[in-house]
Amino acid sequence: MILLIALLRLINYGIGFFKFHTFASLHTYANKITGVLLFMAPVMYVLFGLIATSVILCVVAFASTLEELILTIQSKELERDCKSIFIR
């Protein structure tokens, strides 16, 4: 799952570079939530264990990666501070 997320991120950066001639990393809420959960991973590991923590992190990271990929594909111009696919 981690390799799939990394591959999708690389594809997203490639599409963004091709479309906008720069690396397009968006500041969405989902990306921020993923960052917070990664920061909290040690605490989550103690509270929930390895498997539950891994599943939570992978699901949220995968969802944020898909959201960023969809936003990058749909956008006509680069808008780094796009909040979400649902909030524009």
PDB file of N, CA and C in Angstrom:
ATOM      1  N   MET A   1       0.829  -1.196   0.000  1.00  0.00           N
ATOM      2  CA  MET A   1       0.000   0.000   0.000  1.00  0.00           C
ATOM      3  C   MET A   1       0.870   1.257   0.000  1.00  0.00           C
ATOM      4  N   ILE A   2       1.953   1.220   0.751  1.00  0.00           N
ATOM      5  CA  ILE A   2       2.863   2.365   0.803  1.00  0.00           C
ATOM      6  C   ILE A   2       3.487   2.612  -0.567  1.00  0.00           C
ATOM      7  N   LEU A   3       3.847   1.543  -1.253  1.00  0.00           N
ATOM      8  CA  LEU A   3       4.409   1.693  -2.599  1.00  0.00           C
ATOM      9  C   LEU A   3       3.380   2.266  -3.568  1.00  0.00           C
ATOM     10  N   LEU A   4       2.130   1.861  -3.452  1.00  0.00           N
ATOM     11  CA  LEU A   4       1.071   2.399  -4.298  1.00  0.00           C
ATOM     12  C   LEU A   4       0.881   3.895  -4.045  1.00  0.00           C
ATOM     13  N   ILE A   5       0.884   4.290  -2.791  1.00  0.00           N
ATOM     14  CA  ILE A   5       0.749   5.707  -2.442  1.00  0.00           C
ATOM     15  C   ILE A   5       1.927   6.497  -3.005  1.00  0.00           C
ATOM     16  N   ALA A   6       3.138   5.972  -2.846  1.00  0.00           N
ATOM     17  CA  ALA A   6       4.323   6.647  -3.374  1.00  0.00           C
ATOM     18  C   ALA A   6       4.267   6.745  -4.898  1.00  0.00           C
ATOM     19  N   LEU A   7       3.817   5.690  -5.554  1.00  0.00           N
ATOM     20  CA  LEU A   7       3.700   5.700  -7.013  1.00  0.00           C
ATOM     21  C   LEU A   7       2.676   6.740  -7.470  1.00  0.00           C
ATOM     22  N   LEU A   8       1.535   6.791  -6.804  1.00  0.00           N
ATOM     23  CA  LEU A   8       0.521   7.784  -7.144  1.00  0.00           C
ATOM     24  C   LEU A   8       1.024   9.203  -6.909  1.00  0.00           C
ATOM     25  N   ARG A   9       1.799   9.403  -5.844  1.00  0.00           N
ATOM     26  CA  ARG A   9       2.390  10.727  -5.589  1.00  0.00           C
ATOM     27  C   ARG A   9       3.343  11.108  -6.718  1.00  0.00           C
ATOM     28  N   LEU A  10       4.174  10.166  -7.147  1.00  0.00           N
ATOM     29  CA  LEU A  10       5.102  10.434  -8.245  1.00  0.00           C
ATOM     30  C   LEU A  10       4.354  10.743  -9.543  1.00  0.00           C
ATOM     31  N   ILE A  11       3.295   9.998  -9.816  1.00  0.00           N
ATOM     32  CA  ILE A  11       2.473  10.268 -10.999  1.00  0.00           C
ATOM     33  C   ILE A  11       1.867  11.662 -10.899  1.00  0.00           C
ATOM     34  N   ASN A  12       1.371  12.012  -9.733  1.00  0.00           N
ATOM     35  CA  ASN A  12       0.795  13.334  -9.515  1.00  0.00           C
ATOM     36  C   ASN A  12       1.830  14.426  -9.760  1.00  0.00           C
ATOM     37  N   TYR A  13       3.040  14.270  -9.231  1.00  0.00           N
ATOM     38  CA  TYR A  13       4.087  15.266  -9.445  1.00  0.00           C
ATOM     39  C   TYR A  13       4.455  15.350 -10.918  1.00  0.00           C
ATOM     40  N   GLY A  14       4.460  14.219 -11.615  1.00  0.00           N
ATOM     41  CA  GLY A  14       4.753  14.210 -13.045  1.00  0.00           C
ATOM     42  C   GLY A  14       3.696  14.956 -13.840  1.00  0.00           C
ATOM     43  N   ILE A  15       2.437  14.700 -13.527  1.00  0.00           N
ATOM     44  CA  ILE A  15       1.343  15.401 -14.211  1.00  0.00           C
ATOM     45  C   ILE A  15       1.414  16.899 -13.920  1.00  0.00           C
ATOM     46  N   GLY A  16       1.640  17.244 -12.664  1.00  0.00           N
ATOM     47  CA  GLY A  16       1.752  18.653 -12.291  1.00  0.00           C
ATOM     48  C   GLY A  16       2.914  19.339 -12.991  1.00  0.00           C
ATOM     49  N   PHE A  17       4.041  18.658 -13.101  1.00  0.00           N
ATOM     50  CA  PHE A  17       5.197  19.234 -13.774  1.00  0.00           C
ATOM     51  C   PHE A  17       4.925  19.405 -15.263  1.00  0.00           C
ATOM     52  N   PHE A  18       4.267  18.424 -15.857  1.00  0.00           N
ATOM     53  CA  PHE A  18       3.931  18.499 -17.276  1.00  0.00           C
ATOM     54  C   PHE A  18       2.944  19.634 -17.558  1.00  0.00           C
ATOM     55  N   LYS A  19       1.917  19.774 -16.712  1.00  0.00           N
ATOM     56  CA  LYS A  19       0.880  20.789 -16.938  1.00  0.00           C
ATOM     57  C   LYS A  19       1.327  22.204 -16.568  1.00  0.00           C
ATOM     58  N   PHE A  20       2.041  22.325 -15.428  1.00  0.00           N
ATOM     59  CA  PHE A  20       2.317  23.645 -14.874  1.00  0.00           C
ATOM     60  C   PHE A  20       3.795  24.039 -14.912  1.00  0.00           C
ATOM     61  N   HIS A  21       4.648  23.140 -15.391  1.00  0.00           N
ATOM     62  CA  HIS A  21       6.099  23.373 -15.494  1.00  0.00           C
ATOM     63  C   HIS A  21       6.740  23.644 -14.136  1.00  0.00           C
ATOM     64  N   THR A  22       6.167  23.077 -13.099  1.00  0.00           N
ATOM     65  CA  THR A  22       6.716  23.133 -11.752  1.00  0.00           C
ATOM     66  C   THR A  22       6.115  21.968 -10.962  1.00  0.00           C
ATOM     67  N   PHE A  23       6.757  21.608  -9.873  1.00  0.00           N
ATOM     68  CA  PHE A  23       6.213  20.530  -9.065  1.00  0.00           C
ATOM     69  C   PHE A  23       5.019  21.054  -8.276  1.00  0.00           C
ATOM     70  N   ALA A  24       3.878  20.427  -8.465  1.00  0.00           N
ATOM     71  CA  ALA A  24       2.621  20.896  -7.895  1.00  0.00           C
ATOM     72  C   ALA A  24       2.257  20.063  -6.676  1.00  0.00           C
ATOM     73  N   SER A  25       2.569  20.582  -5.514  1.00  0.00           N
ATOM     74  CA  SER A  25       2.156  19.953  -4.267  1.00  0.00           C
ATOM     75  C   SER A  25       1.096  20.849  -3.642  1.00  0.00           C
ATOM     76  N   LEU A  26      -0.105  20.330  -3.486  1.00  0.00           N
ATOM     77  CA  LEU A  26      -1.230  21.136  -3.032  1.00  0.00           C
ATOM     78  C   LEU A  26      -1.376  21.094  -1.520  1.00  0.00           C
ATOM     79  N   HIS A  27      -1.867  22.193  -0.954  1.00  0.00           N
ATOM     80  CA  HIS A  27      -2.054  22.308   0.489  1.00  0.00           C
ATOM     81  C   HIS A  27      -3.511  22.048   0.834  1.00  0.00           C
ATOM     82  N   THR A  28      -3.946  20.819   0.670  1.00  0.00           N
ATOM     83  CA  THR A  28      -5.329  20.479   0.952  1.00  0.00           C
ATOM     84  C   THR A  28      -5.490  20.095   2.426  1.00  0.00           C
ATOM     85  N   TYR A  29      -6.737  20.103   2.871  1.00  0.00           N
ATOM     86  CA  TYR A  29      -7.007  19.658   4.238  1.00  0.00           C
ATOM     87  C   TYR A  29      -6.587  18.201   4.439  1.00  0.00           C
ATOM     88  N   ALA A  30      -6.833  17.374   3.440  1.00  0.00           N
ATOM     89  CA  ALA A  30      -6.482  15.954   3.557  1.00  0.00           C
ATOM     90  C   ALA A  30      -4.970  15.766   3.702  1.00  0.00           C
ATOM     91  N   ASN A  31      -4.189  16.550   2.973  1.00  0.00           N
ATOM     92  CA  ASN A  31      -2.730  16.467   3.115  1.00  0.00           C
ATOM     93  C   ASN A  31      -2.290  16.918   4.505  1.00  0.00           C
ATOM     94  N   LYS A  32      -2.945  17.943   5.035  1.00  0.00           N
ATOM     95  CA  LYS A  32      -2.612  18.418   6.378  1.00  0.00           C
ATOM     96  C   LYS A  32      -2.994  17.386   7.441  1.00  0.00           C
ATOM     97  N   ILE A  33      -4.141  16.750   7.270  1.00  0.00           N
ATOM     98  CA  ILE A  33      -4.560  15.705   8.210  1.00  0.00           C
ATOM     99  C   ILE A  33      -3.579  14.529   8.158  1.00  0.00           C
ATOM    100  N   THR A  34      -3.137  14.175   6.962  1.00  0.00           N
ATOM    101  CA  THR A  34      -2.154  13.100   6.825  1.00  0.00           C
ATOM    102  C   THR A  34      -0.872  13.452   7.565  1.00  0.00           C
ATOM    103  N   GLY A  35      -0.417  14.688   7.433  1.00  0.00           N
ATOM    104  CA  GLY A  35       0.792  15.119   8.136  1.00  0.00           C
ATOM    105  C   GLY A  35       0.638  15.059   9.648  1.00  0.00           C
ATOM    106  N   VAL A  36      -0.515  15.485  10.140  1.00  0.00           N
ATOM    107  CA  VAL A  36      -0.768  15.437  11.588  1.00  0.00           C
ATOM    108  C   VAL A  36      -0.782  13.991  12.073  1.00  0.00           C
ATOM    109  N   LEU A  37      -1.438  13.110  11.317  1.00  0.00           N
ATOM    110  CA  LEU A  37      -1.489  11.701  11.724  1.00  0.00           C
ATOM    111  C   LEU A  37      -0.110  11.058  11.687  1.00  0.00           C
ATOM    112  N   LEU A  38       0.710  11.420  10.710  1.00  0.00           N
ATOM    113  CA  LEU A  38       2.084  10.900  10.683  1.00  0.00           C
ATOM    114  C   LEU A  38       2.868  11.375  11.899  1.00  0.00           C
ATOM    115  N   PHE A  39       2.656  12.628  12.282  1.00  0.00           N
ATOM    116  CA  PHE A  39       3.311  13.163  13.469  1.00  0.00           C
ATOM    117  C   PHE A  39       2.841  12.435  14.732  1.00  0.00           C
ATOM    118  N   MET A  40       1.564  12.061  14.760  1.00  0.00           N
ATOM    119  CA  MET A  40       0.997  11.379  15.917  1.00  0.00           C
ATOM    120  C   MET A  40       1.164   9.855  15.871  1.00  0.00           C
ATOM    121  N   ALA A  41       1.824   9.340  14.860  1.00  0.00           N
ATOM    122  CA  ALA A  41       1.952   7.891  14.678  1.00  0.00           C
ATOM    123  C   ALA A  41       2.540   7.172  15.891  1.00  0.00           C
ATOM    124  N   PRO A  42       3.577   7.695  16.550  1.00  0.00           N
ATOM    125  CA  PRO A  42       4.087   6.982  17.726  1.00  0.00           C
ATOM    126  C   PRO A  42       3.050   6.843  18.839  1.00  0.00           C
ATOM    127  N   VAL A  43       2.261   7.884  19.055  1.00  0.00           N
ATOM    128  CA  VAL A  43       1.225   7.828  20.092  1.00  0.00           C
ATOM    129  C   VAL A  43       0.126   6.855  19.669  1.00  0.00           C
ATOM    130  N   MET A  44      -0.248   6.915  18.398  1.00  0.00           N
ATOM    131  CA  MET A  44      -1.270   5.994  17.887  1.00  0.00           C
ATOM    132  C   MET A  44      -0.797   4.548  17.998  1.00  0.00           C
ATOM    133  N   TYR A  45       0.486   4.330  17.756  1.00  0.00           N
ATOM    134  CA  TYR A  45       1.053   2.978  17.869  1.00  0.00           C
ATOM    135  C   TYR A  45       0.891   2.441  19.290  1.00  0.00           C
ATOM    136  N   VAL A  46       1.179   3.280  20.276  1.00  0.00           N
ATOM    137  CA  VAL A  46       1.044   2.855  21.671  1.00  0.00           C
ATOM    138  C   VAL A  46      -0.419   2.596  22.022  1.00  0.00           C
ATOM    139  N   LEU A  47      -1.312   3.454  21.524  1.00  0.00           N
ATOM    140  CA  LEU A  47      -2.728   3.327  21.865  1.00  0.00           C
ATOM    141  C   LEU A  47      -3.436   2.203  21.115  1.00  0.00           C
ATOM    142  N   PHE A  48      -3.148   2.074  19.819  1.00  0.00           N
ATOM    143  CA  PHE A  48      -3.928   1.170  18.975  1.00  0.00           C
ATOM    144  C   PHE A  48      -3.163  -0.039  18.445  1.00  0.00           C
ATOM    145  N   GLY A  49      -1.847  -0.002  18.513  1.00  0.00           N
ATOM    146  CA  GLY A  49      -1.054  -1.097  17.974  1.00  0.00           C
ATOM    147  C   GLY A  49      -0.603  -0.820  16.544  1.00  0.00           C
ATOM    148  N   LEU A  50       0.244  -1.683  16.039  1.00  0.00           N
ATOM    149  CA  LEU A  50       0.859  -1.473  14.734  1.00  0.00           C
ATOM    150  C   LEU A  50      -0.132  -1.589  13.577  1.00  0.00           C
ATOM    151  N   ILE A  51      -0.945  -2.619  13.581  1.00  0.00           N
ATOM    152  CA  ILE A  51      -1.832  -2.859  12.446  1.00  0.00           C
ATOM    153  C   ILE A  51      -2.882  -1.755  12.309  1.00  0.00           C
ATOM    154  N   ALA A  52      -3.536  -1.401  13.392  1.00  0.00           N
ATOM    155  CA  ALA A  52      -4.557  -0.353  13.327  1.00  0.00           C
ATOM    156  C   ALA A  52      -3.952   0.992  12.917  1.00  0.00           C
ATOM    157  N   THR A  53      -2.797   1.322  13.472  1.00  0.00           N
ATOM    158  CA  THR A  53      -2.121   2.565  13.112  1.00  0.00           C
ATOM    159  C   THR A  53      -1.755   2.573  11.634  1.00  0.00           C
ATOM    160  N   SER A  54      -1.226   1.462  11.146  1.00  0.00           N
ATOM    161  CA  SER A  54      -0.836   1.360   9.735  1.00  0.00           C
ATOM    162  C   SER A  54      -2.045   1.501   8.817  1.00  0.00           C
ATOM    163  N   VAL A  55      -3.130   0.856   9.167  1.00  0.00           N
ATOM    164  CA  VAL A  55      -4.339   0.928   8.341  1.00  0.00           C
ATOM    165  C   VAL A  55      -4.875   2.358   8.305  1.00  0.00           C
ATOM    166  N   ILE A  56      -4.949   3.002   9.452  1.00  0.00           N
ATOM    167  CA  ILE A  56      -5.442   4.380   9.514  1.00  0.00           C
ATOM    168  C   ILE A  56      -4.574   5.297   8.659  1.00  0.00           C
ATOM    169  N   LEU A  57      -3.260   5.203   8.832  1.00  0.00           N
ATOM    170  CA  LEU A  57      -2.349   6.060   8.082  1.00  0.00           C
ATOM    171  C   LEU A  57      -2.439   5.800   6.584  1.00  0.00           C
ATOM    172  N   CYS A  58      -2.489   4.543   6.190  1.00  0.00           N
ATOM    173  CA  CYS A  58      -2.540   4.218   4.765  1.00  0.00           C
ATOM    174  C   CYS A  58      -3.849   4.671   4.123  1.00  0.00           C
ATOM    175  N   VAL A  59      -4.960   4.494   4.811  1.00  0.00           N
ATOM    176  CA  VAL A  59      -6.251   4.903   4.251  1.00  0.00           C
ATOM    177  C   VAL A  59      -6.297   6.417   4.073  1.00  0.00           C
ATOM    178  N   VAL A  60      -5.886   7.155   5.086  1.00  0.00           N
ATOM    179  CA  VAL A  60      -5.924   8.621   5.003  1.00  0.00           C
ATOM    180  C   VAL A  60      -4.930   9.128   3.955  1.00  0.00           C
ATOM    181  N   ALA A  61      -3.723   8.559   3.924  1.00  0.00           N
ATOM    182  CA  ALA A  61      -2.720   8.974   2.933  1.00  0.00           C
ATOM    183  C   ALA A  61      -3.177   8.644   1.517  1.00  0.00           C
ATOM    184  N   PHE A  62      -3.802   7.493   1.326  1.00  0.00           N
ATOM    185  CA  PHE A  62      -4.297   7.115   0.006  1.00  0.00           C
ATOM    186  C   PHE A  62      -5.410   8.064  -0.448  1.00  0.00           C
ATOM    187  N   ALA A  63      -6.320   8.390   0.465  1.00  0.00           N
ATOM    188  CA  ALA A  63      -7.412   9.311   0.131  1.00  0.00           C
ATOM    189  C   ALA A  63      -6.872  10.695  -0.219  1.00  0.00           C
ATOM    190  N   SER A  64      -5.889  11.181   0.533  1.00  0.00           N
ATOM    191  CA  SER A  64      -5.334  12.506   0.241  1.00  0.00           C
ATOM    192  C   SER A  64      -4.557  12.501  -1.073  1.00  0.00           C
ATOM    193  N   THR A  65      -3.908  11.392  -1.374  1.00  0.00           N
ATOM    194  CA  THR A  65      -3.186  11.278  -2.640  1.00  0.00           C
ATOM    195  C   THR A  65      -4.147  11.273  -3.815  1.00  0.00           C
ATOM    196  N   LEU A  66      -5.232  10.524  -3.703  1.00  0.00           N
ATOM    197  CA  LEU A  66      -6.233  10.504  -4.769  1.00  0.00           C
ATOM    198  C   LEU A  66      -6.873  11.884  -4.955  1.00  0.00           C
ATOM    199  N   GLU A  67      -7.179  12.546  -3.847  1.00  0.00           N
ATOM    200  CA  GLU A  67      -7.767  13.876  -3.934  1.00  0.00           C
ATOM    201  C   GLU A  67      -6.817  14.838  -4.650  1.00  0.00           C
ATOM    202  N   GLU A  68      -5.554  14.804  -4.277  1.00  0.00           N
ATOM    203  CA  GLU A  68      -4.576  15.694  -4.906  1.00  0.00           C
ATOM    204  C   GLU A  68      -4.406  15.368  -6.389  1.00  0.00           C
ATOM    205  N   LEU A  69      -4.425  14.091  -6.733  1.00  0.00           N
ATOM    206  CA  LEU A  69      -4.310  13.678  -8.131  1.00  0.00           C
ATOM    207  C   LEU A  69      -5.508  14.184  -8.943  1.00  0.00           C
ATOM    208  N   ILE A  70      -6.700  14.033  -8.416  1.00  0.00           N
ATOM    209  CA  ILE A  70      -7.909  14.508  -9.104  1.00  0.00           C
ATOM    210  C   ILE A  70      -7.874  16.020  -9.270  1.00  0.00           C
ATOM    211  N   LEU A  71      -7.484  16.730  -8.219  1.00  0.00           N
ATOM    212  CA  LEU A  71      -7.407  18.186  -8.308  1.00  0.00           C
ATOM    213  C   LEU A  71      -6.374  18.631  -9.337  1.00  0.00           C
ATOM    214  N   THR A  72      -5.242  17.956  -9.384  1.00  0.00           N
ATOM    215  CA  THR A  72      -4.187  18.305 -10.337  1.00  0.00           C
ATOM    216  C   THR A  72      -4.651  18.060 -11.766  1.00  0.00           C
ATOM    217  N   ILE A  73      -5.336  16.951 -11.984  1.00  0.00           N
ATOM    218  CA  ILE A  73      -5.822  16.626 -13.330  1.00  0.00           C
ATOM    219  C   ILE A  73      -6.894  17.618 -13.770  1.00  0.00           C
ATOM    220  N   GLN A  74      -7.805  17.984 -12.872  1.00  0.00           N
ATOM    221  CA  GLN A  74      -8.933  18.850 -13.230  1.00  0.00           C
ATOM    222  C   GLN A  74      -8.563  20.326 -13.348  1.00  0.00           C
ATOM    223  N   SER A  75      -7.517  20.760 -12.687  1.00  0.00           N
ATOM    224  CA  SER A  75      -7.196  22.182 -12.628  1.00  0.00           C
ATOM    225  C   SER A  75      -6.648  22.698 -13.949  1.00  0.00           C
ATOM    226  N   LYS A  76      -7.097  23.879 -14.310  1.00  0.00           N
ATOM    227  CA  LYS A  76      -6.582  24.554 -15.510  1.00  0.00           C
ATOM    228  C   LYS A  76      -5.303  25.313 -15.188  1.00  0.00           C
ATOM    229  N   GLU A  77      -5.219  25.836 -13.954  1.00  0.00           N
ATOM    230  CA  GLU A  77      -4.026  26.529 -13.514  1.00  0.00           C
ATOM    231  C   GLU A  77      -3.687  26.088 -12.100  1.00  0.00           C
ATOM    232  N   LEU A  78      -2.428  26.252 -11.734  1.00  0.00           N
ATOM    233  CA  LEU A  78      -1.955  25.774 -10.433  1.00  0.00           C
ATOM    234  C   LEU A  78      -2.494  26.647  -9.313  1.00  0.00           C
ATOM    235  N   GLU A  79      -3.197  26.033  -8.385  1.00  0.00           N
ATOM    236  CA  GLU A  79      -3.703  26.711  -7.195  1.00  0.00           C
ATOM    237  C   GLU A  79      -3.258  25.885  -5.987  1.00  0.00           C
ATOM    238  N   ARG A  80      -2.115  26.245  -5.426  1.00  0.00           N
ATOM    239  CA  ARG A  80      -1.517  25.449  -4.345  1.00  0.00           C
ATOM    240  C   ARG A  80      -2.362  25.427  -3.078  1.00  0.00           C
ATOM    241  N   ASP A  81      -3.099  26.478  -2.807  1.00  0.00           N
ATOM    242  CA  ASP A  81      -3.875  26.562  -1.570  1.00  0.00           C
ATOM    243  C   ASP A  81      -5.319  26.098  -1.752  1.00  0.00           C
ATOM    244  N   CYS A  82      -5.543  25.145  -2.619  1.00  0.00           N
ATOM    245  CA  CYS A  82      -6.864  24.564  -2.802  1.00  0.00           C
ATOM    246  C   CYS A  82      -7.217  23.765  -1.542  1.00  0.00           C
ATOM    247  N   LYS A  83      -8.354  24.034  -0.958  1.00  0.00           N
ATOM    248  CA  LYS A  83      -8.703  23.424   0.330  1.00  0.00           C
ATOM    249  C   LYS A  83      -9.071  21.949   0.210  1.00  0.00           C
ATOM    250  N   SER A  84      -9.914  21.632  -0.762  1.00  0.00           N
ATOM    251  CA  SER A  84     -10.392  20.266  -0.900  1.00  0.00           C
ATOM    252  C   SER A  84     -11.061  20.114  -2.261  1.00  0.00           C
ATOM    253  N   ILE A  85     -11.323  18.892  -2.609  1.00  0.00           N
ATOM    254  CA  ILE A  85     -12.054  18.631  -3.843  1.00  0.00           C
ATOM    255  C   ILE A  85     -13.504  19.108  -3.703  1.00  0.00           C
ATOM    256  N   PHE A  86     -13.992  19.188  -2.485  1.00  0.00           N
ATOM    257  CA  PHE A  86     -15.361  19.587  -2.227  1.00  0.00           C
ATOM    258  C   PHE A  86     -15.490  21.088  -1.969  1.00  0.00           C
ATOM    259  N   ILE A  87     -14.380  21.737  -1.554  1.00  0.00           N
ATOM    260  CA  ILE A  87     -14.375  23.175  -1.239  1.00  0.00           C
ATOM    261  C   ILE A  87     -13.417  23.850  -2.201  1.00  0.00           C
ATOM    262  N   ARG A  88     -13.921  24.723  -3.019  1.00  0.00           N
ATOM    263  CA  ARG A  88     -13.034  25.397  -3.985  1.00  0.00           C
ATOM    264  C   ARG A  88     -13.084  26.858  -3.835  1.00  0.00           C
TER     265      ARG A  88
END
